[in-house]
All heavy atoms as atom14 arrays in JSON, in Angstrom:
{
  "sequence": "EAAIKTLKAHIKTEQAAVKGTDVGLRSYLLGDFHVCL",
  "atom14_mask": [
    [1, 1, 1, 1, 1, 1, 1, 1, 1, 0, 0, 0, 0, 0],
    [1, 1, 1, 1, 1, 0, 0, 0, 0, 0, 0, 0, 0, 0],
    [1, 1, 1, 1, 1, 0, 0, 0, 0, 0, 0, 0, 0, 0],
    [1, 1, 1, 1, 1, 1, 1, 1, 0, 0, 0, 0, 0, 0],
    [1, 1, 1, 1, 1, 1, 1, 1, 1, 0, 0, 0, 0, 0],
    [1, 1, 1, 1, 1, 1, 1, 0, 0, 0, 0, 0, 0, 0],
    [1, 1, 1, 1, 1, 1, 1, 1, 0, 0, 0, 0, 0, 0],
    [1, 1, 1, 1, 1, 1, 1, 1, 1, 0, 0, 0, 0, 0],
    [1, 1, 1, 1, 1, 0, 0, 0, 0, 0, 0, 0, 0, 0],
    [1, 1, 1, 1, 1, 1, 1, 1, 1, 1, 0, 0, 0, 0],
    [1, 1, 1, 1, 1, 1, 1, 1, 0, 0, 0, 0, 0, 0],
    [1, 1, 1, 1, 1, 1, 1, 1, 1, 0, 0, 0, 0, 0],
    [1, 1, 1, 1, 1, 1, 1, 0, 0, 0, 0, 0, 0, 0],
    [1, 1, 1, 1, 1, 1, 1, 1, 1, 0, 0, 0, 0, 0],
    [1, 1, 1, 1, 1, 1, 1, 1, 1, 0, 0, 0, 0, 0],
    [1, 1, 1, 1, 1, 0, 0, 0, 0, 0, 0, 0, 0, 0],
    [1, 1, 1, 1, 1, 0, 0, 0, 0, 0, 0, 0, 0, 0],
    [1, 1, 1, 1, 1, 1, 1, 0, 0, 0, 0, 0, 0, 0],
    [1, 1, 1, 1, 1, 1, 1, 1, 1, 0, 0, 0, 0, 0],
    [1, 1, 1, 1, 0, 0, 0, 0, 0, 0, 0, 0, 0, 0],
    [1, 1, 1, 1, 1, 1, 1, 0, 0, 0, 0, 0, 0, 0],
    [1, 1, 1, 1, 1, 1, 1, 1, 0, 0, 0, 0, 0, 0],
    [1, 1, 1, 1, 1, 1, 1, 0, 0, 0, 0, 0, 0, 0],
    [1, 1, 1, 1, 0, 0, 0, 0, 0, 0, 0, 0, 0, 0],
    [1, 1, 1, 1, 1, 1, 1, 1, 0, 0, 0, 0, 0, 0],
    [1, 1, 1, 1, 1, 1, 1, 1, 1, 1, 1, 0, 0, 0],
    [1, 1, 1, 1, 1, 1, 0, 0, 0, 0, 0, 0, 0, 0],
    [1, 1, 1, 1, 1, 1, 1, 1, 1, 1, 1, 1, 0, 0],
    [1, 1, 1, 1, 1, 1, 1, 1, 0, 0, 0, 0, 0, 0],
    [1, 1, 1, 1, 1, 1, 1, 1, 0, 0, 0, 0, 0, 0],
    [1, 1, 1, 1, 0, 0, 0, 0, 0, 0, 0, 0, 0, 0],
    [1, 1, 1, 1, 1, 1, 1, 1, 0, 0, 0, 0, 0, 0],
    [1, 1, 1, 1, 1, 1, 1, 1, 1, 1, 1, 0, 0, 0],
    [1, 1, 1, 1, 1, 1, 1, 1, 1, 1, 0, 0, 0, 0],
    [1, 1, 1, 1, 1, 1, 1, 0, 0, 0, 0, 0, 0, 0],
    [1, 1, 1, 1, 1, 1, 0, 0, 0, 0, 0, 0, 0, 0],
    [1, 1, 1, 1, 1, 1, 1, 1, 0, 0, 0, 0, 0, 0]
  ],
  "atom14_positions": [
    [[-9.33, -4.34, -46.03], [-9.6, -3.02, -45.46], [-10.29, -3.15, -44.11], [-10.04, -2.36, -43.2], [-10.47, -2.21, -46.42], [-9.77, -1.82, -47.72], [-10.65, -0.94, -48.59], [-11.73, -0.52, -48.12], [-10.26, -0.66, -49.74], [0.0, 0.0, 0.0], [0.0, 0.0, 0.0], [0.0, 0.0, 0.0], [0.0, 0.0, 0.0], [0.0, 0.0, 0.0]],
    [[-11.17, -4.14, -43.99], [-11.88, -4.35, -42.72], [-10.91, -4.71, -41.61], [-11.04, -4.25, -40.46], [-12.93, -5.46, -42.88], [0.0, 0.0, 0.0], [0.0, 0.0, 0.0], [0.0, 0.0, 0.0], [0.0, 0.0, 0.0], [0.0, 0.0, 0.0], [0.0, 0.0, 0.0], [0.0, 0.0, 0.0], [0.0, 0.0, 0.0], [0.0, 0.0, 0.0]],
    [[-9.89, -5.52, -41.95], [-8.89, -5.92, -40.95], [-8.07, -4.72, -40.5], [-7.81, -4.53, -39.3], [-7.99, -7.0, -41.53], [0.0, 0.0, 0.0], [0.0, 0.0, 0.0], [0.0, 0.0, 0.0], [0.0, 0.0, 0.0], [0.0, 0.0, 0.0], [0.0, 0.0, 0.0], [0.0, 0.0, 0.0], [0.0, 0.0, 0.0], [0.0, 0.0, 0.0]],
    [[-7.65, -3.88, -41.45], [-6.89, -2.67, -41.11], [-7.72, -1.75, -40.24], [-7.23, -1.17, -39.26], [-6.43, -1.94, -42.39], [-5.41, -2.79, -43.17], [-5.83, -0.58, -42.04], [-4.11, -3.02, -42.43], [0.0, 0.0, 0.0], [0.0, 0.0, 0.0], [0.0, 0.0, 0.0], [0.0, 0.0, 0.0], [0.0, 0.0, 0.0], [0.0, 0.0, 0.0]],
    [[-8.99, -1.63, -40.57], [-9.9, -0.79, -39.78], [-10.01, -1.3, -38.35], [-9.99, -0.51, -37.39], [-11.28, -0.75, -40.44], [-12.26, 0.19, -39.77], [-13.59, 0.22, -40.53], [-14.57, 1.18, -39.85], [-15.87, 1.22, -40.58], [0.0, 0.0, 0.0], [0.0, 0.0, 0.0], [0.0, 0.0, 0.0], [0.0, 0.0, 0.0], [0.0, 0.0, 0.0]],
    [[-10.11, -2.61, -38.2], [-10.19, -3.22, -36.87], [-8.91, -2.96, -36.07], [-8.97, -2.62, -34.89], [-10.43, -4.74, -36.99], [-11.68, -4.97, -37.64], [-10.45, -5.4, -35.62], [0.0, 0.0, 0.0], [0.0, 0.0, 0.0], [0.0, 0.0, 0.0], [0.0, 0.0, 0.0], [0.0, 0.0, 0.0], [0.0, 0.0, 0.0], [0.0, 0.0, 0.0]],
    [[-7.77, -3.12, -36.71], [-6.48, -2.92, -36.03], [-6.3, -1.45, -35.62], [-5.82, -1.15, -34.53], [-5.34, -3.35, -36.94], [-5.19, -4.87, -37.14], [-4.21, -5.18, -38.26], [-4.74, -5.53, -35.84], [0.0, 0.0, 0.0], [0.0, 0.0, 0.0], [0.0, 0.0, 0.0], [0.0, 0.0, 0.0], [0.0, 0.0, 0.0], [0.0, 0.0, 0.0]],
    [[-6.69, -0.54, -36.5], [-6.58, 0.89, -36.17], [-7.5, 1.26, -35.01], [-7.12, 2.07, -34.13], [-6.91, 1.74, -37.39], [-5.83, 1.75, -38.46], [-6.18, 2.71, -39.59], [-5.04, 2.86, -40.57], [-5.37, 3.81, -41.67], [0.0, 0.0, 0.0], [0.0, 0.0, 0.0], [0.0, 0.0, 0.0], [0.0, 0.0, 0.0], [0.0, 0.0, 0.0]],
    [[-8.68, 0.67, -34.99], [-9.62, 0.93, -33.88], [-9.04, 0.4, -32.57], [-9.18, 1.03, -31.52], [-10.96, 0.26, -34.18], [0.0, 0.0, 0.0], [0.0, 0.0, 0.0], [0.0, 0.0, 0.0], [0.0, 0.0, 0.0], [0.0, 0.0, 0.0], [0.0, 0.0, 0.0], [0.0, 0.0, 0.0], [0.0, 0.0, 0.0], [0.0, 0.0, 0.0]],
    [[-8.37, -0.75, -32.65], [-7.75, -1.32, -31.45], [-6.67, -0.39, -30.93], [-6.57, -0.15, -29.72], [-7.17, -2.69, -31.78], [-6.82, -3.51, -30.57], [-5.77, -3.19, -29.73], [-7.38, -4.62, -30.04], [-5.69, -4.08, -28.76], [-6.67, -4.96, -28.92], [0.0, 0.0, 0.0], [0.0, 0.0, 0.0], [0.0, 0.0, 0.0], [0.0, 0.0, 0.0]],
    [[-5.87, 0.15, -31.83], [-4.78, 1.04, -31.42], [-5.32, 2.33, -30.8], [-4.76, 2.85, -29.84], [-3.85, 1.33, -32.62], [-3.06, 0.07, -32.96], [-2.9, 2.49, -32.3], [-2.23, 0.16, -34.21], [0.0, 0.0, 0.0], [0.0, 0.0, 0.0], [0.0, 0.0, 0.0], [0.0, 0.0, 0.0], [0.0, 0.0, 0.0], [0.0, 0.0, 0.0]],
    [[-6.41, 2.84, -31.33], [-7.04, 4.03, -30.73], [-7.49, 3.74, -29.3], [-7.35, 4.59, -28.41], [-8.23, 4.48, -31.57], [-7.84, 5.22, -32.86], [-9.07, 5.76, -33.57], [-8.68, 6.54, -34.82], [-9.88, 7.08, -35.53], [0.0, 0.0, 0.0], [0.0, 0.0, 0.0], [0.0, 0.0, 0.0], [0.0, 0.0, 0.0], [0.0, 0.0, 0.0]],
    [[-8.02, 2.55, -29.09], [-8.42, 2.16, -27.74], [-7.2, 2.05, -26.84], [-7.23, 2.44, -25.67], [-9.17, 0.81, -27.79], [-10.23, 0.88, -28.74], [-9.76, 0.48, -26.42], [0.0, 0.0, 0.0], [0.0, 0.0, 0.0], [0.0, 0.0, 0.0], [0.0, 0.0, 0.0], [0.0, 0.0, 0.0], [0.0, 0.0, 0.0], [0.0, 0.0, 0.0]],
    [[-6.11, 1.5, -27.39], [-4.85, 1.41, -26.63], [-4.38, 2.81, -26.22], [-3.99, 3.05, -25.07], [-3.76, 0.78, -27.49], [-3.85, -0.72, -27.68], [-2.69, -1.23, -28.51], [-1.58, -0.66, -28.41], [-2.87, -2.21, -29.26], [0.0, 0.0, 0.0], [0.0, 0.0, 0.0], [0.0, 0.0, 0.0], [0.0, 0.0, 0.0], [0.0, 0.0, 0.0]],
    [[-4.39, 3.73, -27.18], [-3.9, 5.09, -26.92], [-4.7, 5.75, -25.8], [-4.14, 6.44, -24.95], [-3.98, 5.92, -28.2], [-3.0, 5.47, -29.28], [-3.24, 6.12, -30.62], [-4.36, 6.58, -30.91], [-2.23, 6.15, -31.48], [0.0, 0.0, 0.0], [0.0, 0.0, 0.0], [0.0, 0.0, 0.0], [0.0, 0.0, 0.0], [0.0, 0.0, 0.0]],
    [[-6.02, 5.55, -25.83], [-6.86, 6.12, -24.78], [-6.53, 5.5, -23.42], [-6.48, 6.19, -22.4], [-8.34, 5.89, -25.11], [0.0, 0.0, 0.0], [0.0, 0.0, 0.0], [0.0, 0.0, 0.0], [0.0, 0.0, 0.0], [0.0, 0.0, 0.0], [0.0, 0.0, 0.0], [0.0, 0.0, 0.0], [0.0, 0.0, 0.0], [0.0, 0.0, 0.0]],
    [[-6.26, 4.19, -23.42], [-5.93, 3.5, -22.17], [-4.57, 3.95, -21.63], [-4.39, 4.08, -20.42], [-5.93, 1.99, -22.38], [0.0, 0.0, 0.0], [0.0, 0.0, 0.0], [0.0, 0.0, 0.0], [0.0, 0.0, 0.0], [0.0, 0.0, 0.0], [0.0, 0.0, 0.0], [0.0, 0.0, 0.0], [0.0, 0.0, 0.0], [0.0, 0.0, 0.0]],
    [[-3.63, 4.19, -22.54], [-2.29, 4.66, -22.12], [-2.39, 6.02, -21.43], [-1.67, 6.3, -20.46], [-1.34, 4.73, -23.34], [-0.07, 5.49, -22.99], [-1.01, 3.32, -23.82], [0.0, 0.0, 0.0], [0.0, 0.0, 0.0], [0.0, 0.0, 0.0], [0.0, 0.0, 0.0], [0.0, 0.0, 0.0], [0.0, 0.0, 0.0], [0.0, 0.0, 0.0]],
    [[-3.28, 6.87, -21.9], [-3.46, 8.19, -21.3], [-4.24, 8.12, -20.0], [-4.21, 9.06, -19.21], [-4.19, 9.11, -22.28], [-3.38, 9.43, -23.54], [-4.19, 10.3, -24.49], [-3.41, 10.59, -25.77], [-4.2, 11.41, -26.73], [0.0, 0.0, 0.0], [0.0, 0.0, 0.0], [0.0, 0.0, 0.0], [0.0, 0.0, 0.0], [0.0, 0.0, 0.0]],
    [[-4.96, 7.04, -19.78], [-5.77, 6.88, -18.58], [-4.97, 6.34, -17.4], [-3.74, 6.25, -17.45], [0.0, 0.0, 0.0], [0.0, 0.0, 0.0], [0.0, 0.0, 0.0], [0.0, 0.0, 0.0], [0.0, 0.0, 0.0], [0.0, 0.0, 0.0], [0.0, 0.0, 0.0], [0.0, 0.0, 0.0], [0.0, 0.0, 0.0], [0.0, 0.0, 0.0]],
    [[-5.69, 5.96, -16.36], [-5.04, 5.5, -15.13], [-5.3, 4.03, -14.83], [-4.8, 3.51, -13.84], [-5.55, 6.33, -13.92], [-6.98, 6.21, -13.84], [-5.17, 7.8, -14.09], [0.0, 0.0, 0.0], [0.0, 0.0, 0.0], [0.0, 0.0, 0.0], [0.0, 0.0, 0.0], [0.0, 0.0, 0.0], [0.0, 0.0, 0.0], [0.0, 0.0, 0.0]],
    [[-6.07, 3.37, -15.69], [-6.38, 1.96, -15.46], [-5.26, 1.09, -16.03], [-5.24, 0.77, -17.22], [-7.72, 1.61, -16.11], [-8.22, 0.22, -15.73], [-7.39, -0.62, -15.34], [-9.44, -0.01, -15.81], [0.0, 0.0, 0.0], [0.0, 0.0, 0.0], [0.0, 0.0, 0.0], [0.0, 0.0, 0.0], [0.0, 0.0, 0.0], [0.0, 0.0, 0.0]],
    [[-4.3, 0.73, -15.18], [-3.14, -0.05, -15.62], [-3.56, -1.42, -16.13], [-3.0, -1.95, -17.09], [-2.12, -0.2, -14.47], [-0.95, -1.08, -14.88], [-1.62, 1.17, -14.04], [0.0, 0.0, 0.0], [0.0, 0.0, 0.0], [0.0, 0.0, 0.0], [0.0, 0.0, 0.0], [0.0, 0.0, 0.0], [0.0, 0.0, 0.0], [0.0, 0.0, 0.0]],
    [[-4.57, -2.02, -15.48], [-5.04, -3.33, -15.9], [-5.59, -3.33, -17.31], [-5.27, -4.2, -18.13], [0.0, 0.0, 0.0], [0.0, 0.0, 0.0], [0.0, 0.0, 0.0], [0.0, 0.0, 0.0], [0.0, 0.0, 0.0], [0.0, 0.0, 0.0], [0.0, 0.0, 0.0], [0.0, 0.0, 0.0], [0.0, 0.0, 0.0], [0.0, 0.0, 0.0]],
    [[-6.4, -2.32, -17.64], [-6.97, -2.22, -18.98], [-5.87, -1.98, -20.0], [-5.86, -2.58, -21.08], [-7.99, -1.07, -19.03], [-8.61, -0.78, -20.4], [-9.38, -1.98, -20.92], [-9.5, 0.46, -20.33], [0.0, 0.0, 0.0], [0.0, 0.0, 0.0], [0.0, 0.0, 0.0], [0.0, 0.0, 0.0], [0.0, 0.0, 0.0], [0.0, 0.0, 0.0]],
    [[-4.92, -1.12, -19.65], [-3.8, -0.82, -20.54], [-3.0, -2.09, -20.84], [-2.68, -2.39, -21.99], [-2.91, 0.22, -19.87], [-1.74, 0.69, -20.71], [-1.02, 1.79, -19.98], [-0.28, 1.31, -18.83], [0.14, 2.08, -17.83], [-0.16, 3.36, -17.83], [0.84, 1.57, -16.85], [0.0, 0.0, 0.0], [0.0, 0.0, 0.0], [0.0, 0.0, 0.0]],
    [[-2.71, -2.84, -19.8], [-1.95, -4.08, -19.96], [-2.7, -5.07, -20.84], [-2.13, -5.69, -21.74], [-1.69, -4.7, -18.58], [-1.1, -5.97, -18.71], [0.0, 0.0, 0.0], [0.0, 0.0, 0.0], [0.0, 0.0, 0.0], [0.0, 0.0, 0.0], [0.0, 0.0, 0.0], [0.0, 0.0, 0.0], [0.0, 0.0, 0.0], [0.0, 0.0, 0.0]],
    [[-3.99, -5.21, -20.58], [-4.8, -6.16, -21.35], [-4.82, -5.79, -22.83], [-4.62, -6.64, -23.7], [-6.22, -6.2, -20.8], [-7.14, -7.08, -21.62], [-7.16, -8.45, -21.41], [-7.94, -6.55, -22.63], [-7.97, -9.28, -22.18], [-8.75, -7.36, -23.41], [-8.76, -8.72, -23.17], [-9.56, -9.53, -23.94], [0.0, 0.0, 0.0], [0.0, 0.0, 0.0]],
    [[-5.05, -4.52, -23.14], [-5.16, -4.08, -24.53], [-3.84, -4.22, -25.28], [-3.81, -4.63, -26.44], [-5.65, -2.63, -24.59], [-7.12, -2.42, -24.21], [-7.43, -0.94, -24.09], [-8.04, -3.08, -25.25], [0.0, 0.0, 0.0], [0.0, 0.0, 0.0], [0.0, 0.0, 0.0], [0.0, 0.0, 0.0], [0.0, 0.0, 0.0], [0.0, 0.0, 0.0]],
    [[-2.73, -3.88, -24.62], [-1.43, -3.99, -25.29], [-1.09, -5.44, -25.6], [-0.5, -5.75, -26.63], [-0.34, -3.36, -24.41], [-0.39, -1.83, -24.32], [0.56, -1.32, -23.26], [-0.07, -1.19, -25.67], [0.0, 0.0, 0.0], [0.0, 0.0, 0.0], [0.0, 0.0, 0.0], [0.0, 0.0, 0.0], [0.0, 0.0, 0.0], [0.0, 0.0, 0.0]],
    [[-1.47, -6.34, -24.72], [-1.26, -7.75, -25.0], [-2.23, -8.27, -26.04], [-1.87, -9.07, -26.92], [0.0, 0.0, 0.0], [0.0, 0.0, 0.0], [0.0, 0.0, 0.0], [0.0, 0.0, 0.0], [0.0, 0.0, 0.0], [0.0, 0.0, 0.0], [0.0, 0.0, 0.0], [0.0, 0.0, 0.0], [0.0, 0.0, 0.0], [0.0, 0.0, 0.0]],
    [[-3.47, -7.83, -25.96], [-4.51, -8.31, -26.87], [-4.27, -7.87, -28.31], [-4.81, -8.47, -29.24], [-5.87, -7.82, -26.39], [-7.03, -8.45, -27.14], [-7.14, -9.69, -27.12], [-7.83, -7.71, -27.76], [0.0, 0.0, 0.0], [0.0, 0.0, 0.0], [0.0, 0.0, 0.0], [0.0, 0.0, 0.0], [0.0, 0.0, 0.0], [0.0, 0.0, 0.0]],
    [[-3.47, -6.83, -28.51], [-3.17, -6.39, -29.89], [-2.63, -7.54, -30.72], [-2.99, -7.72, -31.89], [-2.16, -5.24, -29.87], [-1.58, -4.94, -31.24], [-2.29, -4.18, -32.16], [-0.34, -5.45, -31.61], [-1.77, -3.92, -33.42], [0.19, -5.19, -32.87], [-0.53, -4.43, -33.78], [0.0, 0.0, 0.0], [0.0, 0.0, 0.0], [0.0, 0.0, 0.0]],
    [[-1.75, -8.35, -30.13], [-1.11, -9.42, -30.87], [-2.09, -10.53, -31.21], [-2.0, -11.15, -32.27], [0.08, -9.95, -30.06], [1.14, -8.92, -29.87], [2.24, -8.83, -30.69], [1.24, -7.9, -28.99], [2.99, -7.81, -30.31], [2.4, -7.23, -29.27], [0.0, 0.0, 0.0], [0.0, 0.0, 0.0], [0.0, 0.0, 0.0], [0.0, 0.0, 0.0]],
    [[-3.04, -10.75, -30.34], [-4.1, -11.72, -30.61], [-5.0, -11.18, -31.73], [-5.35, -11.9, -32.67], [-4.94, -11.99, -29.34], [-6.04, -12.99, -29.63], [-4.05, -12.49, -28.21], [0.0, 0.0, 0.0], [0.0, 0.0, 0.0], [0.0, 0.0, 0.0], [0.0, 0.0, 0.0], [0.0, 0.0, 0.0], [0.0, 0.0, 0.0], [0.0, 0.0, 0.0]],
    [[-5.34, -9.91, -31.62], [-6.17, -9.25, -32.63], [-5.48, -9.28, -34.0], [-6.12, -9.51, -35.03], [-6.45, -7.81, -32.21], [-7.49, -6.87, -33.35], [0.0, 0.0, 0.0], [0.0, 0.0, 0.0], [0.0, 0.0, 0.0], [0.0, 0.0, 0.0], [0.0, 0.0, 0.0], [0.0, 0.0, 0.0], [0.0, 0.0, 0.0], [0.0, 0.0, 0.0]],
    [[-4.17, -9.05, -34.01], [-3.41, -9.06, -35.26], [-3.49, -10.43, -35.93], [-3.73, -10.52, -37.14], [-1.95, -8.7, -34.99], [-1.0, -8.73, -36.19], [-1.44, -7.73, -37.24], [0.43, -8.45, -35.74], [0.0, 0.0, 0.0], [0.0, 0.0, 0.0], [0.0, 0.0, 0.0], [0.0, 0.0, 0.0], [0.0, 0.0, 0.0], [0.0, 0.0, 0.0]]
  ]
}
């Protein structure tokens, strides 16, 4: 459950970055998802 919670939190951060204007942060988070997984 802790792992699922961590992954869901990561995706929420991704979603916020996608709506934002910081392309660098968005790119980093989308790539980092796979490392986090």
